[in-house]
């Protein structure tokens, strides 16, 4: 059985990637992918690949390697959603392959293959495959850089760390973590100081130079380097209370979506001193450096996906620590935990990009379009405040939606409020439920409320709002209390 597993697992994972592509190939851009990928890729494509910049009003500051690559594929093959999903699917499969190569540096072939199956089941990874974000390509470069660092492949590390910097600004957190790993490895091998400094400069200066060039030309083009004026609410310096909240948020992100049992098992193995010491140190460095940087520098934007590499390493570390003959129950616990993570959600909390539950919105969007076909314009907040010409690459698809930002609520005829939205405040929600006419659409974990402004409409007889459960109400109250609304 073990021989069969090792022989065919890559084929099975490849088949899964193909089947997954068939399921999601028509999914629109959603969430952060609208800004970080769709708008800029379309901008580059429509300018015949003659620009590398975001549209000025949609620029979060990240480098644009992935959207530029997507625009190239659209130019060669044709502009369509399936091309974008195919590209991300290929990148995701390559990610599993490089995880396997890293695992083989420390463990057996069987455990390496079990590790990539576990990584492929992890809900955050599955969601990233469907969302069309720049993060799958970014994490591929991160893992390739990490592999080259561990394998002493200097040229490879230089190339992939530069690509990493040109894809996402989180690259700097990983570059810092890799610097600490390089320091530890050099100390562990008693490398001479002169050689340590010379090789360190050779390894890290090229990536820092690439970052500096990007920031220099970005500053020259737009007048700012990396603190986007389009997202000023994320540029604030954190106080002590906000820092502490971020620490607790990070702990939750790490334990969420089935990972709590994984960490419990890993802590048990660490106490029993059964884990690979070197791999444990590398995992802690990557995890703690990223967590510390995010707790200090990121403001209200600490997503589960930012810890994907750390979670991969945790899974590898845990699977390596158990003897295969004695670990069937443990592997079953890991599999069940990861599988259940794909179905987890919190009533009363925003359905984000932690698994595929958000996809239920797409069916509801079609139902609303069919039910309100005469009302051509809706208002809402992100991530559903973008019309079909961007999200679907086709103006005829989806709803025509206008962002609610900087618009007086009383002047809006019709709007959408959902547990996909994160920006409706408690006073806004209370006003909508108390004074507007509402109708609810539900599918799976997702609901969408269509609210009609009584200034513009009389109440239709068929309209009826869903009633929130007690647990949902308590969770919403807690959230508003933490956010200070």
Protein backbone atom coordinates (compact mmCIF):
# COMPACT_ATOMS: atom_id res chain seq x y z
CA UNK A 1 0.00 0.00 0.00
CA UNK A 2 2.81 2.40 0.93
CA UNK A 3 4.60 1.68 -2.34
CA UNK A 4 1.39 2.27 -4.32
CA UNK A 5 0.78 5.52 -2.42
CA UNK A 6 4.25 6.86 -3.16
CA UNK A 7 4.07 5.86 -6.80
CA UNK A 8 0.73 7.41 -7.66
CA UNK A 9 0.11 10.26 -5.19
CA UNK A 10 1.41 12.98 -7.52
CA UNK A 11 -0.85 11.73 -10.30
CA UNK A 12 -3.82 11.75 -7.93
CA UNK A 13 -3.03 15.27 -6.76
CA UNK A 14 -2.66 16.35 -10.37
CA UNK A 15 -6.06 14.82 -11.16
CA UNK A 16 -7.55 16.66 -8.18
CA UNK A 17 -6.14 19.94 -9.50
CA UNK A 18 -7.78 19.30 -12.87
CA UNK A 19 -11.15 18.47 -11.28
CA UNK A 20 -10.91 21.50 -9.02
CA UNK A 21 -10.21 23.68 -12.07
CA UNK A 22 -13.34 22.32 -13.77
CA UNK A 23 -15.42 23.28 -10.72
CA UNK A 24 -14.09 26.85 -10.27
CA UNK A 25 -13.06 27.85 -13.80
CA UNK A 26 -15.99 30.28 -14.20
CA UNK A 27 -15.77 31.79 -10.70
CA UNK A 28 -15.36 35.57 -10.84
CA UNK A 29 -12.66 37.57 -9.13
CA UNK A 30 -13.69 37.97 -5.50
CA UNK A 31 -12.55 39.79 -2.39
CA UNK A 32 -9.05 41.22 -2.42
CA UNK A 33 -8.47 39.64 -5.85
CA UNK A 34 -10.63 42.38 -7.40
CA UNK A 35 -8.07 45.03 -6.42
CA UNK A 36 -4.84 43.05 -6.23
CA UNK A 37 -5.37 41.14 -9.48
CA UNK A 38 -8.39 41.97 -11.64
CA UNK A 39 -8.20 45.75 -11.84
CA UNK A 40 -4.47 45.91 -12.43
CA UNK A 41 -4.35 42.92 -14.82
CA UNK A 42 -7.12 44.52 -16.89
CA UNK A 43 -5.29 47.85 -16.78
CA UNK A 44 -2.08 46.24 -18.03
CA UNK A 45 -3.92 44.17 -20.65
CA UNK A 46 -5.87 47.16 -21.99
CA UNK A 47 -2.61 49.11 -22.25
CA UNK A 48 -1.08 46.34 -24.39
CA UNK A 49 1.42 45.37 -21.65
CA UNK A 50 2.98 48.84 -21.86
CA UNK A 51 2.57 49.59 -18.14
CA UNK A 52 3.48 47.84 -14.89
CA UNK A 53 1.38 50.05 -12.62
CA UNK A 54 -1.97 49.76 -10.86
CA UNK A 55 -4.69 52.24 -11.77
CA UNK A 56 -3.86 55.15 -9.42
CA UNK A 57 -7.11 54.94 -7.41
CA UNK A 58 -6.80 51.17 -6.88
CA UNK A 59 -3.12 50.91 -5.93
CA UNK A 60 -2.36 49.13 -2.62
CA UNK A 61 1.38 49.44 -3.24
CA UNK A 62 2.23 45.82 -4.02
CA UNK A 63 4.50 45.02 -6.98
CA UNK A 64 2.62 43.74 -10.01
CA UNK A 65 4.46 40.62 -11.22
CA UNK A 66 1.44 38.30 -10.96
CA UNK A 67 -1.16 40.57 -12.62
CA UNK A 68 1.38 41.37 -15.34
CA UNK A 69 1.94 37.64 -15.90
CA UNK A 70 -1.84 37.14 -16.09
CA UNK A 71 -2.15 40.00 -18.59
CA UNK A 72 0.52 38.29 -20.74
CA UNK A 73 -1.46 35.03 -20.69
CA UNK A 74 -4.62 36.93 -21.64
CA UNK A 75 -2.77 38.56 -24.52
CA UNK A 76 -1.52 35.20 -25.80
CA UNK A 77 -4.52 32.93 -25.09
CA UNK A 78 -7.46 35.31 -24.67
CA UNK A 79 -9.02 37.27 -21.81
CA UNK A 80 -11.18 34.90 -19.80
CA UNK A 81 -11.68 33.64 -16.26
CA UNK A 82 -10.65 30.09 -17.13
CA UNK A 83 -7.20 31.29 -18.20
CA UNK A 84 -6.73 32.97 -14.81
CA UNK A 85 -7.89 29.84 -12.95
CA UNK A 86 -5.69 27.59 -15.06
CA UNK A 87 -2.65 29.75 -14.27
CA UNK A 88 -3.36 29.68 -10.54
CA UNK A 89 -4.00 25.92 -10.69
CA UNK A 90 -0.60 25.30 -12.27
CA UNK A 91 1.09 27.54 -9.70
CA UNK A 92 -0.69 25.72 -6.86
CA UNK A 93 0.40 22.29 -8.10
CA UNK A 94 3.99 23.53 -8.38
CA UNK A 95 3.67 24.76 -4.78
CA UNK A 96 2.85 21.22 -3.63
CA UNK A 97 5.84 19.89 -5.54
CA UNK A 98 8.27 22.29 -3.89
CA UNK A 99 6.78 21.53 -0.44
CA UNK A 100 7.56 17.90 -1.21
CA UNK A 101 11.16 18.76 -2.10
CA UNK A 102 11.57 20.68 1.16
CA UNK A 103 10.05 17.79 3.11
CA UNK A 104 12.45 15.31 1.49
CA UNK A 105 15.37 17.25 2.98
CA UNK A 106 14.21 16.15 6.44
CA UNK A 107 11.95 13.13 6.21
CA UNK A 108 11.13 9.97 4.28
CA UNK A 109 9.39 9.82 0.90
CA UNK A 110 6.19 8.49 2.45
CA UNK A 111 6.01 11.24 5.07
CA UNK A 112 6.84 13.87 2.47
CA UNK A 113 3.94 12.64 0.34
CA UNK A 114 1.59 12.54 3.34
CA UNK A 115 2.65 16.12 4.10
CA UNK A 116 1.69 17.45 0.68
CA UNK A 117 -1.68 15.67 0.89
CA UNK A 118 -2.26 17.43 4.22
CA UNK A 119 -1.21 20.77 2.73
CA UNK A 120 -3.54 20.22 -0.24
CA UNK A 121 -6.43 19.59 2.19
CA UNK A 122 -5.81 22.74 4.25
CA UNK A 123 -8.76 25.05 3.67
CA UNK A 124 -6.70 28.24 3.32
CA UNK A 125 -4.68 26.68 0.50
CA UNK A 126 -7.84 25.40 -1.20
CA UNK A 127 -9.44 28.84 -1.01
CA UNK A 128 -6.35 30.54 -2.45
CA UNK A 129 -6.58 28.24 -5.47
CA UNK A 130 -10.02 29.61 -6.30
CA UNK A 131 -9.68 33.28 -5.36
CA UNK A 132 -7.26 34.42 -8.10
CA UNK A 133 -5.09 36.40 -5.69
CA UNK A 134 -1.39 37.17 -6.12
CA UNK A 135 -0.58 35.08 -3.03
CA UNK A 136 -0.25 31.62 -4.71
CA UNK A 137 2.57 32.88 -6.94
CA UNK A 138 4.10 34.78 -4.03
CA UNK A 139 4.13 31.71 -1.79
CA UNK A 140 5.64 29.63 -4.58
CA UNK A 141 8.57 32.07 -4.75
CA UNK A 142 8.84 32.01 -0.95
CA UNK A 143 9.03 28.22 -0.86
CA UNK A 144 11.52 28.10 -3.75
CA UNK A 145 13.68 30.67 -1.94
CA UNK A 146 13.46 28.65 1.28
CA UNK A 147 14.40 25.44 -0.52
CA UNK A 148 17.41 27.09 -2.16
CA UNK A 149 18.52 28.54 1.19
CA UNK A 150 18.32 25.12 2.86
CA UNK A 151 20.07 23.46 -0.11
CA UNK A 152 22.84 26.08 -0.33
CA UNK A 153 21.79 27.00 -3.88
CA UNK A 154 22.96 30.62 -3.88
CA UNK A 155 21.97 31.50 -7.45
CA UNK A 156 18.51 30.02 -7.00
CA UNK A 157 17.93 31.92 -3.76
CA UNK A 158 18.95 35.19 -5.39
CA UNK A 159 16.58 34.69 -8.34
CA UNK A 160 13.56 33.52 -6.34
CA UNK A 161 13.99 36.08 -3.55
CA UNK A 162 13.98 38.84 -6.20
CA UNK A 163 10.80 37.38 -7.71
CA UNK A 164 9.35 37.17 -4.22
CA UNK A 165 10.00 40.90 -3.69
CA UNK A 166 8.43 41.75 -7.05
CA UNK A 167 5.18 39.93 -6.19
CA UNK A 168 4.10 41.00 -2.69
CA UNK A 169 5.33 43.36 0.04
CA UNK A 170 5.08 40.58 2.64
CA UNK A 171 8.28 39.33 1.01
CA UNK A 172 10.19 41.59 3.41
CA UNK A 173 8.89 39.65 6.42
CA UNK A 174 10.08 36.40 4.86
CA UNK A 175 13.40 37.92 3.84
CA UNK A 176 13.95 38.91 7.46
CA UNK A 177 13.01 35.38 8.60
CA UNK A 178 15.40 33.88 6.05
CA UNK A 179 18.09 36.22 7.39
CA UNK A 180 17.63 34.77 10.87
CA UNK A 181 17.68 31.23 9.45
CA UNK A 182 20.89 32.03 7.59
CA UNK A 183 22.36 33.41 10.82
CA UNK A 184 21.37 30.27 12.75
CA UNK A 185 22.73 27.92 10.10
CA UNK A 186 26.01 29.80 9.91
CA UNK A 187 26.37 29.74 13.71
CA UNK A 188 25.45 26.05 13.86
CA UNK A 189 28.15 25.22 11.28
CA UNK A 190 30.69 27.59 12.88
CA UNK A 191 31.12 29.53 9.65
CA UNK A 192 33.94 32.10 9.69
CA UNK A 193 32.80 35.71 10.14
CA UNK A 194 34.29 36.90 6.84
CA UNK A 195 32.56 34.16 4.86
CA UNK A 196 29.31 34.72 6.78
CA UNK A 197 29.25 38.43 5.89
CA UNK A 198 30.34 37.94 2.27
CA UNK A 199 27.78 35.23 1.53
CA UNK A 200 25.08 37.08 3.46
CA UNK A 201 25.58 40.18 1.32
CA UNK A 202 25.52 38.05 -1.82
CA UNK A 203 22.29 36.34 -0.75
CA UNK A 204 20.22 39.29 0.47
CA UNK A 205 21.45 42.44 -1.27
CA UNK A 206 19.93 41.56 -4.72
CA UNK A 207 16.39 41.17 -3.30
CA UNK A 208 16.72 44.36 -1.25
CA UNK A 209 17.99 46.13 -4.35
CA UNK A 210 14.95 44.93 -6.34
CA UNK A 211 12.65 46.21 -3.57
CA UNK A 212 14.47 49.56 -3.47
CA UNK A 213 14.16 49.98 -7.23
CA UNK A 214 10.44 49.20 -7.13
CA UNK A 215 9.89 51.74 -4.33
CA UNK A 216 12.03 54.36 -6.09
CA UNK A 217 10.17 54.13 -9.39
CA UNK A 218 6.81 53.86 -7.63
CA UNK A 219 7.59 57.02 -5.67
CA UNK A 220 8.61 58.73 -8.89
CA UNK A 221 5.41 57.61 -10.67
CA UNK A 222 2.79 58.27 -7.96
CA UNK A 223 4.45 60.41 -5.29
CA UNK A 224 4.39 57.71 -2.62
CA UNK A 225 6.44 54.54 -2.11
CA UNK A 226 4.47 51.96 -0.10
CA UNK A 227 1.95 53.66 2.24
CA UNK A 228 -1.05 53.86 -0.08
CA UNK A 229 -3.26 56.95 0.22
CA UNK A 230 -6.08 54.73 -1.09
CA UNK A 231 -5.99 52.72 2.15
CA UNK A 232 -5.09 55.34 4.74
CA UNK A 233 -7.03 53.49 7.45
CA UNK A 234 -4.35 50.76 7.26
CA UNK A 235 -1.41 53.16 7.60
CA UNK A 236 -1.97 54.16 11.24
CA UNK A 237 0.60 53.45 13.94
CA UNK A 238 -0.75 50.90 16.42
CA UNK A 239 -1.24 51.62 20.09
CA UNK A 240 -0.64 49.05 22.83
CA UNK A 241 -4.30 47.96 22.88
CA UNK A 242 -4.38 47.44 19.12
CA UNK A 243 -1.09 45.54 19.27
CA UNK A 244 -2.49 43.19 21.93
CA UNK A 245 -5.65 42.70 19.87
CA UNK A 246 -3.46 41.83 16.88
CA UNK A 247 -1.56 39.22 18.92
CA UNK A 248 -4.81 37.51 19.94
CA UNK A 249 -6.08 37.77 16.36
CA UNK A 250 -2.92 36.06 15.08
CA UNK A 251 -3.30 33.23 17.61
CA UNK A 252 -6.87 32.77 16.42
CA UNK A 253 -5.76 32.77 12.76
CA UNK A 254 -3.23 30.04 13.52
CA UNK A 255 -5.66 27.79 15.43
CA UNK A 256 -8.64 28.35 13.13
CA UNK A 257 -10.02 26.09 10.39
CA UNK A 258 -9.14 22.80 12.02
CA UNK A 259 -5.57 23.68 13.05
CA UNK A 260 -6.22 23.66 16.82
CA UNK A 261 -5.92 19.86 16.99
CA UNK A 262 -2.80 20.03 14.79
CA UNK A 263 -1.10 22.40 17.24
CA UNK A 264 -2.24 20.32 20.22
CA UNK A 265 -0.63 17.21 18.71
CA UNK A 266 2.51 19.15 17.81
CA UNK A 267 2.91 20.57 21.32
CA UNK A 268 2.59 17.03 22.68
CA UNK A 269 5.35 15.83 20.36
CA UNK A 270 7.56 18.79 21.28
CA UNK A 271 7.15 17.99 24.99
CA UNK A 272 8.07 14.37 24.23
CA UNK A 273 11.11 15.65 22.25
CA UNK A 274 10.11 13.75 19.12
CA UNK A 275 10.31 16.56 16.62
CA UNK A 276 13.16 17.41 14.27
CA UNK A 277 15.03 20.12 16.20
CA UNK A 278 16.36 21.93 13.13
CA UNK A 279 12.99 21.96 11.36
CA UNK A 280 11.33 23.14 14.60
CA UNK A 281 13.73 26.09 14.82
CA UNK A 282 13.10 27.04 11.18
CA UNK A 283 9.32 26.81 11.72
CA UNK A 284 9.47 28.99 14.82
CA UNK A 285 11.61 31.60 13.06
CA UNK A 286 9.27 31.86 10.06
CA UNK A 287 6.17 31.90 12.26
CA UNK A 288 7.40 34.33 14.94
CA UNK A 289 9.04 36.80 12.56
CA UNK A 290 5.91 37.01 10.39
CA UNK A 291 3.63 37.22 13.43
CA UNK A 292 5.73 39.95 15.06
CA UNK A 293 5.93 42.01 11.86
CA UNK A 294 2.19 41.73 11.26
CA UNK A 295 1.32 42.59 14.85
CA UNK A 296 3.42 45.75 14.55
CA UNK A 297 2.90 46.89 10.96
CA UNK A 298 -0.46 45.59 9.69
CA UNK A 299 -3.65 47.34 10.70
CA UNK A 300 -6.95 45.41 10.53
CA UNK A 301 -5.63 43.37 7.59
CA UNK A 302 -4.12 40.26 9.21
CA UNK A 303 -5.62 37.45 7.16
CA UNK A 304 -5.32 33.69 7.53
CA UNK A 305 -3.51 33.43 4.21
CA UNK A 306 -0.51 35.39 5.47
CA UNK A 307 0.40 32.40 7.66
CA UNK A 308 0.04 29.76 4.96
CA UNK A 309 3.78 29.00 4.78
CA UNK A 310 3.99 28.72 8.58
CA UNK A 311 1.03 26.31 8.59
CA UNK A 312 2.65 24.19 5.87
CA UNK A 313 5.78 23.92 8.02
CA UNK A 314 3.74 23.03 11.10
CA UNK A 315 2.03 20.21 9.19
CA UNK A 316 5.38 18.92 7.89
CA UNK A 317 6.91 19.10 11.37
CA UNK A 318 4.01 17.18 12.93
CA UNK A 319 3.80 14.46 10.28
CA UNK A 320 7.57 13.92 10.41
CA UNK A 321 7.45 13.44 14.19
CA UNK A 322 5.25 10.32 14.13
CA UNK A 323 6.32 6.83 13.15
CA UNK A 324 4.18 5.68 10.23
CA UNK A 325 3.42 2.26 11.74
CA UNK A 326 2.11 3.85 14.95
CA UNK A 327 0.38 6.91 13.53
CA UNK A 328 -2.74 5.79 11.66
CA UNK A 329 -5.04 7.32 14.28
CA UNK A 330 -2.99 10.52 14.35
CA UNK A 331 -3.07 10.85 10.57
CA UNK A 332 -6.82 10.26 10.67
CA UNK A 333 -7.22 13.08 13.23
CA UNK A 334 -5.12 15.37 11.02
CA UNK A 335 -7.17 14.50 7.93
CA UNK A 336 -10.55 14.96 9.67
CA UNK A 337 -9.45 18.26 11.23
CA UNK A 338 -8.25 19.65 7.90
CA UNK A 339 -11.34 18.38 6.08
CA UNK A 340 -13.71 19.97 8.60
CA UNK A 341 -11.81 23.24 8.26
CA UNK A 342 -13.16 23.47 4.72
CA UNK A 343 -16.71 23.69 6.09
CA UNK A 344 -16.15 25.92 9.12
CA UNK A 345 -17.75 29.32 9.50
CA UNK A 346 -18.99 31.50 12.35
CA UNK A 347 -22.61 32.67 12.26
CA UNK A 348 -22.54 36.43 12.73
CA UNK A 349 -19.00 36.77 11.40
CA UNK A 350 -17.99 37.76 7.90
CA UNK A 351 -17.55 34.83 5.48
CA UNK A 352 -14.02 35.56 4.29
CA UNK A 353 -11.45 33.68 2.21
CA UNK A 354 -10.62 30.96 4.76
CA UNK A 355 -12.43 28.27 2.76
CA UNK A 356 -14.82 27.94 -0.16
CA UNK A 357 -17.99 28.90 1.75
CA UNK A 358 -17.93 32.35 0.10
CA UNK A 359 -18.74 30.69 -3.26
CA UNK A 360 -22.37 30.39 -2.14
CA UNK A 361 -22.67 34.11 -2.88
CA UNK A 362 -22.36 33.55 -6.63
CA UNK A 363 -25.61 31.57 -6.77
CA UNK A 364 -27.37 34.22 -4.68
CA UNK A 365 -26.13 36.91 -7.02
CA UNK A 366 -27.87 35.17 -9.92
CA UNK A 367 -31.08 34.81 -7.90
CA UNK A 368 -31.08 38.50 -7.00
CA UNK A 369 -30.44 39.46 -10.60
CA UNK A 370 -33.41 37.35 -11.72
CA UNK A 371 -35.67 38.72 -8.94
CA UNK A 372 -34.72 42.38 -9.38
CA UNK A 373 -34.12 42.43 -13.11
CA UNK A 374 -35.78 45.87 -13.51
CA UNK A 375 -33.49 47.52 -10.94
CA UNK A 376 -30.20 47.93 -12.75
CA UNK A 377 -28.05 49.54 -10.04
CA UNK A 378 -27.25 48.33 -6.53
CA UNK A 379 -25.01 49.78 -3.83
CA UNK A 380 -22.83 47.86 -1.39
CA UNK A 381 -19.45 47.61 0.32
CA UNK A 382 -16.47 45.45 -0.62
CA UNK A 383 -15.97 42.70 -1.53
CA UNK A 384 -19.22 42.77 -3.53
CA UNK A 385 -19.11 46.42 -4.58
CA UNK A 386 -17.61 45.81 -8.03
CA UNK A 387 -19.62 45.24 -11.19
CA UNK A 388 -19.45 42.34 -13.63
CA UNK A 389 -17.15 43.99 -16.17
CA UNK A 390 -14.31 43.60 -13.66
CA UNK A 391 -15.34 40.61 -11.52
CA UNK A 392 -16.60 38.45 -14.43
CA UNK A 393 -14.64 40.23 -17.20
CA UNK A 394 -18.09 40.69 -18.74
CA UNK A 395 -20.50 43.56 -18.04
CA UNK A 396 -23.49 41.31 -18.79
CA UNK A 397 -22.61 38.95 -15.94
CA UNK A 398 -23.35 39.54 -12.29
CA UNK A 399 -24.99 42.59 -10.77
CA UNK A 400 -24.24 46.24 -11.48
CA UNK A 401 -22.95 47.39 -8.11
CA UNK A 402 -21.66 50.80 -7.02
CA UNK A 403 -19.38 51.22 -3.95
CA UNK A 404 -21.21 52.62 -0.95
CA UNK A 405 -18.10 54.38 0.34
CA UNK A 406 -18.45 58.17 0.61
CA UNK A 407 -22.16 57.92 -0.30
CA UNK A 408 -24.92 59.13 2.02
CA UNK A 409 -27.01 56.08 2.91
CA UNK A 410 -30.31 57.99 2.72
CA UNK A 411 -29.71 58.85 -0.95
CA UNK A 412 -29.31 55.21 -2.02
CA UNK A 413 -32.41 53.60 -3.59
CA UNK A 414 -31.38 49.94 -3.20
CA UNK A 415 -28.44 48.21 -1.54
CA UNK A 416 -27.06 44.80 -0.66
CA UNK A 417 -25.94 43.83 2.84
CA UNK A 418 -24.46 40.42 3.48
CA UNK A 419 -22.23 38.38 5.76
CA UNK A 420 -19.79 38.68 2.87
CA UNK A 421 -19.51 42.41 3.73
CA UNK A 422 -17.30 43.65 6.54
CA UNK A 423 -17.83 47.40 6.43
CA UNK A 424 -21.43 47.95 7.48
CA UNK A 425 -21.31 49.58 10.93
CA UNK A 426 -23.74 48.73 13.72
CA UNK A 427 -25.62 52.06 13.37
CA UNK A 428 -25.99 51.45 9.63
CA UNK A 429 -27.26 47.90 10.15
CA UNK A 430 -29.68 48.99 12.87
CA UNK A 431 -31.03 51.75 10.62
CA UNK A 432 -31.48 49.38 7.67
CA UNK A 433 -33.33 46.76 9.73
CA UNK A 434 -35.53 49.35 11.45
CA UNK A 435 -36.41 51.69 8.58
CA UNK A 436 -35.84 50.01 5.20
CA UNK A 437 -37.73 47.23 3.41
CA UNK A 438 -35.68 44.06 3.26
CA UNK A 439 -35.68 40.66 1.60
CA UNK A 440 -33.24 37.89 2.43
CA UNK A 441 -31.63 35.37 0.08
CA UNK A 442 -29.76 32.44 1.64
CA UNK A 443 -27.49 29.71 0.32
CA UNK A 444 -25.34 27.57 2.59
CA UNK A 445 -23.37 29.78 4.98
CA UNK A 446 -24.04 32.97 3.02
CA UNK A 447 -26.99 35.34 3.15
CA UNK A 448 -27.66 38.55 1.22
CA UNK A 449 -30.23 41.12 2.31
CA UNK A 450 -31.69 43.36 -0.39
CA UNK A 451 -32.80 46.63 1.21
CA UNK A 452 -35.15 49.08 -0.53
CA UNK A 453 -35.15 52.71 0.58
CA UNK A 454 -38.72 53.71 1.61
CA UNK A 455 -38.08 57.12 0.07
CA UNK A 456 -38.05 55.47 -3.35
CA UNK A 457 -40.17 52.32 -2.99
CA UNK A 458 -43.34 51.09 -1.41
CA UNK A 459 -42.99 47.87 0.51
CA UNK A 460 -43.63 44.82 -1.69
CA UNK A 461 -45.81 42.20 -0.06
CA UNK A 462 -43.33 39.37 -0.62
CA UNK A 463 -40.37 40.98 1.20
CA UNK A 464 -39.23 39.25 4.38
CA UNK A 465 -35.94 39.41 6.27
CA UNK A 466 -34.18 36.44 7.86
CA UNK A 467 -33.95 36.34 11.65
CA UNK A 468 -30.50 36.06 13.18
CA UNK A 469 -29.94 33.21 15.66
CA UNK A 470 -29.07 33.93 19.29
CA UNK A 471 -25.46 32.85 18.75
CA UNK A 472 -25.18 35.07 15.69
CA UNK A 473 -26.49 38.07 17.62
CA UNK A 474 -24.03 37.47 20.47
CA UNK A 475 -21.09 37.16 18.12
CA UNK A 476 -22.08 40.35 16.30
CA UNK A 477 -22.40 42.21 19.61
CA UNK A 478 -18.95 41.01 20.67
CA UNK A 479 -17.47 42.07 17.35
CA UNK A 480 -18.98 45.54 17.52
CA UNK A 481 -17.80 45.91 21.11
CA UNK A 482 -14.22 45.03 20.14
CA UNK A 483 -14.33 47.40 17.18
CA UNK A 484 -15.75 50.16 19.37
CA UNK A 485 -18.92 50.80 17.37
